[in-house]
Amino acid sequence: MNTMTTYSGRKFDPTQMTPEDVYIEDIAHALSLLCRGGGQLTYFYSVGQHSLNCAAEAKARGWSKRQQLACLLHDASEGYISDIIRPVKIYLTNYLEIESKIMGTILTHFGLDDLTEEENLRWKQIDDEILELELKTLLHGEENREVPQLFSVPDLAEHTPGEIKVRFLQEAERLGVHGSDR
């Protein structure tokens, strides 16, 4: 059986996902419960909170709502197939193919499947820069890590998954995710 069941009760094969299978509440719920860094952090800090920080950084830089939404959703595939730490993910080529296919489906659903190379580089830059701050702040032995200058002050405080889910959905709505997308 290759079917998954999401928080909202949708059932589908994640390797055969369609844009109709994508639901923002499933993404927000799952990302709020996934811990960054394989759980090796000093306290629980979710992928959802990371995504909110990335979107806030894009907003602080004066980037468009479209770019902010791309930052908010850049890890959305992990809401369906979980998070793998970067040092391992690079060796999992089949995982990367599946992740890319799911991410493409999600981007199509939200009208972001035509992101330019520059737009993709922008969200990747923010993702990397926020990661550096997270590593310095949330991992033992990384206190001396150099962190790039950010335009925002990322929220690295400990929050409950429920709080992050609500904030994620509010941010998605602010960025234009409405109606059947929600």
Protein backbone atom coordinates (compact mmCIF):
# COMPACT_ATOMS: atom_id res chain seq x y z
CA MET A 1 0.00 0.00 0.00
CA ASN A 2 1.59 3.27 -1.14
CA THR A 3 -1.09 5.56 0.24
CA MET A 4 -0.58 8.15 2.94
CA THR A 5 -3.29 9.80 5.01
CA THR A 6 -2.84 13.48 5.80
CA TYR A 7 -4.00 15.45 8.82
CA SER A 8 -7.10 16.59 6.91
CA GLY A 9 -7.93 13.00 5.96
CA ARG A 10 -6.80 13.13 2.34
CA LYS A 11 -5.44 9.84 1.00
CA PHE A 12 -3.01 9.57 -1.91
CA ASP A 13 0.29 8.10 -3.05
CA PRO A 14 2.89 10.81 -2.33
CA THR A 15 4.95 9.67 -5.33
CA GLN A 16 1.92 10.28 -7.56
CA MET A 17 0.74 13.47 -5.87
CA THR A 18 -1.43 15.92 -7.83
CA PRO A 19 -2.07 19.62 -7.19
CA GLU A 20 -5.55 18.65 -5.92
CA ASP A 21 -3.90 16.65 -3.10
CA VAL A 22 -2.15 19.76 -1.73
CA TYR A 23 -3.81 21.40 1.27
CA ILE A 24 -2.25 24.29 3.17
CA GLU A 25 -3.56 23.06 6.53
CA ASP A 26 -1.83 19.69 6.03
CA ILE A 27 1.42 21.51 5.26
CA ALA A 28 1.10 23.89 8.23
CA HIS A 29 0.18 21.09 10.61
CA ALA A 30 3.00 18.76 9.59
CA LEU A 31 5.70 21.45 9.43
CA SER A 32 4.72 22.70 12.90
CA LEU A 33 5.40 19.22 14.28
CA LEU A 34 8.71 18.54 12.46
CA CYS A 35 11.82 19.45 14.42
CA ARG A 36 14.71 21.02 12.50
CA GLY A 37 18.18 19.54 12.63
CA GLY A 38 17.03 15.96 13.05
CA GLY A 39 15.95 16.84 16.59
CA GLN A 40 19.56 17.55 17.69
CA LEU A 41 18.73 21.09 18.83
CA THR A 42 18.79 22.48 22.36
CA TYR A 43 14.96 22.71 22.28
CA PHE A 44 12.12 22.04 19.89
CA TYR A 45 12.23 24.36 16.88
CA SER A 46 10.07 23.37 13.95
CA VAL A 47 10.45 23.46 10.20
CA GLY A 48 7.26 25.57 10.25
CA GLN A 49 8.92 28.19 12.47
CA HIS A 50 11.98 28.18 10.20
CA SER A 51 9.69 28.75 7.20
CA LEU A 52 7.99 31.66 8.96
CA ASN A 53 11.40 33.19 9.68
CA CYS A 54 12.38 32.84 6.02
CA ALA A 55 9.18 34.57 4.88
CA ALA A 56 9.72 37.36 7.45
CA GLU A 57 13.27 37.88 6.16
CA ALA A 58 11.98 38.16 2.59
CA LYS A 59 9.42 40.73 3.75
CA ALA A 60 12.09 42.68 5.65
CA ARG A 61 14.14 42.82 2.44
CA GLY A 62 11.17 44.36 0.64
CA TRP A 63 10.65 41.39 -1.63
CA SER A 64 7.29 40.74 -3.30
CA LYS A 65 4.52 38.71 -1.68
CA ARG A 66 5.16 36.06 -4.32
CA GLN A 67 8.78 35.78 -3.15
CA GLN A 68 7.66 35.76 0.48
CA LEU A 69 5.25 32.90 -0.29
CA ALA A 70 8.05 30.99 -2.01
CA CYS A 71 10.12 31.43 1.17
CA LEU A 72 7.21 30.29 3.37
CA LEU A 73 6.67 27.19 1.25
CA HIS A 74 10.27 26.30 0.40
CA ASP A 75 10.20 23.24 2.72
CA ALA A 76 6.53 22.34 2.10
CA SER A 77 7.42 18.94 0.62
CA GLU A 78 8.72 17.98 4.06
CA GLY A 79 5.13 18.24 5.27
CA TYR A 80 4.46 15.13 3.22
CA ILE A 81 7.77 13.21 3.37
CA SER A 82 9.47 14.60 6.50
CA ASP A 83 12.82 16.33 6.92
CA ILE A 84 16.23 14.79 6.31
CA ILE A 85 19.33 16.65 7.53
CA ARG A 86 21.44 18.16 4.73
CA PRO A 87 24.59 16.06 5.32
CA VAL A 88 22.54 12.91 4.62
CA LYS A 89 20.03 14.24 2.10
CA ILE A 90 22.70 14.78 -0.58
CA TYR A 91 23.32 11.01 -0.72
CA LEU A 92 19.66 10.06 -1.06
CA THR A 93 19.20 10.65 -4.77
CA ASN A 94 15.88 8.80 -4.91
CA TYR A 95 14.64 10.90 -1.99
CA LEU A 96 15.77 14.05 -3.80
CA GLU A 97 13.84 13.00 -6.93
CA ILE A 98 10.68 12.33 -4.91
CA GLU A 99 11.11 15.58 -2.96
CA SER A 100 11.56 17.53 -6.19
CA LYS A 101 8.46 16.00 -7.76
CA ILE A 102 6.34 16.72 -4.66
CA MET A 103 7.72 20.25 -4.42
CA GLY A 104 6.87 20.83 -8.08
CA THR A 105 3.30 19.70 -7.42
CA ILE A 106 3.03 22.03 -4.42
CA LEU A 107 4.42 24.97 -6.39
CA THR A 108 1.95 24.27 -9.21
CA HIS A 109 -0.92 24.25 -6.71
CA PHE A 110 0.08 27.65 -5.34
CA GLY A 111 0.90 29.21 -8.72
CA LEU A 112 4.64 29.29 -8.08
CA ASP A 113 5.72 26.72 -10.68
CA ASP A 114 7.12 29.48 -12.85
CA LEU A 115 9.61 30.87 -10.31
CA THR A 116 12.59 32.31 -12.14
CA GLU A 117 16.14 31.16 -11.48
CA GLU A 118 16.71 34.45 -9.64
CA GLU A 119 13.62 33.92 -7.44
CA ASN A 120 14.79 30.40 -6.58
CA LEU A 121 18.26 31.69 -5.73
CA ARG A 122 16.70 34.31 -3.46
CA TRP A 123 14.74 31.86 -1.29
CA LYS A 124 17.74 29.52 -1.19
CA GLN A 125 19.93 32.39 0.01
CA ILE A 126 17.52 33.23 2.82
CA ASP A 127 17.20 29.55 3.73
CA ASP A 128 21.00 29.27 4.04
CA GLU A 129 21.37 32.52 5.99
CA ILE A 130 18.61 31.67 8.48
CA LEU A 131 20.17 28.19 8.85
CA GLU A 132 23.48 29.75 9.91
CA LEU A 133 21.74 31.68 12.70
CA GLU A 134 19.80 28.57 13.75
CA LEU A 135 22.99 26.51 13.95
CA LYS A 136 24.75 29.17 16.02
CA THR A 137 21.79 29.60 18.37
CA LEU A 138 20.29 26.15 18.64
CA LEU A 139 23.22 23.71 18.52
CA HIS A 140 25.87 23.06 21.15
CA GLY A 141 29.39 23.75 19.89
CA GLU A 142 28.33 26.27 17.23
CA GLU A 143 28.37 29.42 19.37
CA ASN A 144 31.32 30.92 17.41
CA ARG A 145 29.79 30.37 13.98
CA GLU A 146 29.79 33.46 11.74
CA VAL A 147 26.28 34.58 10.83
CA PRO A 148 25.44 36.79 7.84
CA GLN A 149 23.72 40.11 8.45
CA LEU A 150 19.95 39.69 8.32
CA PHE A 151 17.32 42.35 7.71
CA SER A 152 14.89 40.83 10.23
CA VAL A 153 15.18 39.48 13.74
CA PRO A 154 14.19 35.82 13.38
CA ASP A 155 12.02 34.37 16.12
CA LEU A 156 14.09 31.56 17.60
CA ALA A 157 12.10 31.34 20.83
CA GLU A 158 10.48 28.07 21.76
CA HIS A 159 6.84 27.83 20.62
CA THR A 160 4.26 25.08 20.66
CA PRO A 161 3.39 23.38 17.40
CA GLY A 162 -0.15 24.74 17.72
CA GLU A 163 1.13 28.33 17.85
CA ILE A 164 3.33 27.79 14.79
CA LYS A 165 0.52 26.15 12.84
CA VAL A 166 -1.78 29.13 13.47
CA ARG A 167 0.95 31.63 12.56
CA PHE A 168 1.82 29.65 9.41
CA LEU A 169 -1.82 29.66 8.25
CA GLN A 170 -2.16 33.38 9.03
CA GLU A 171 0.99 34.14 7.05
CA ALA A 172 -0.21 32.02 4.12
CA GLU A 173 -3.49 33.93 4.13
CA ARG A 174 -1.66 37.28 4.25
CA LEU A 175 0.29 36.13 1.21
CA GLY A 176 -2.83 35.30 -0.78
CA VAL A 177 -3.60 31.65 -0.01
CA HIS A 178 -7.42 31.66 0.17
CA GLY A 179 -10.52 29.64 -0.53
CA SER A 180 -10.01 26.03 -1.54
CA ASP A 181 -6.29 26.43 -0.89
CA ARG A 182 -7.05 26.79 2.77
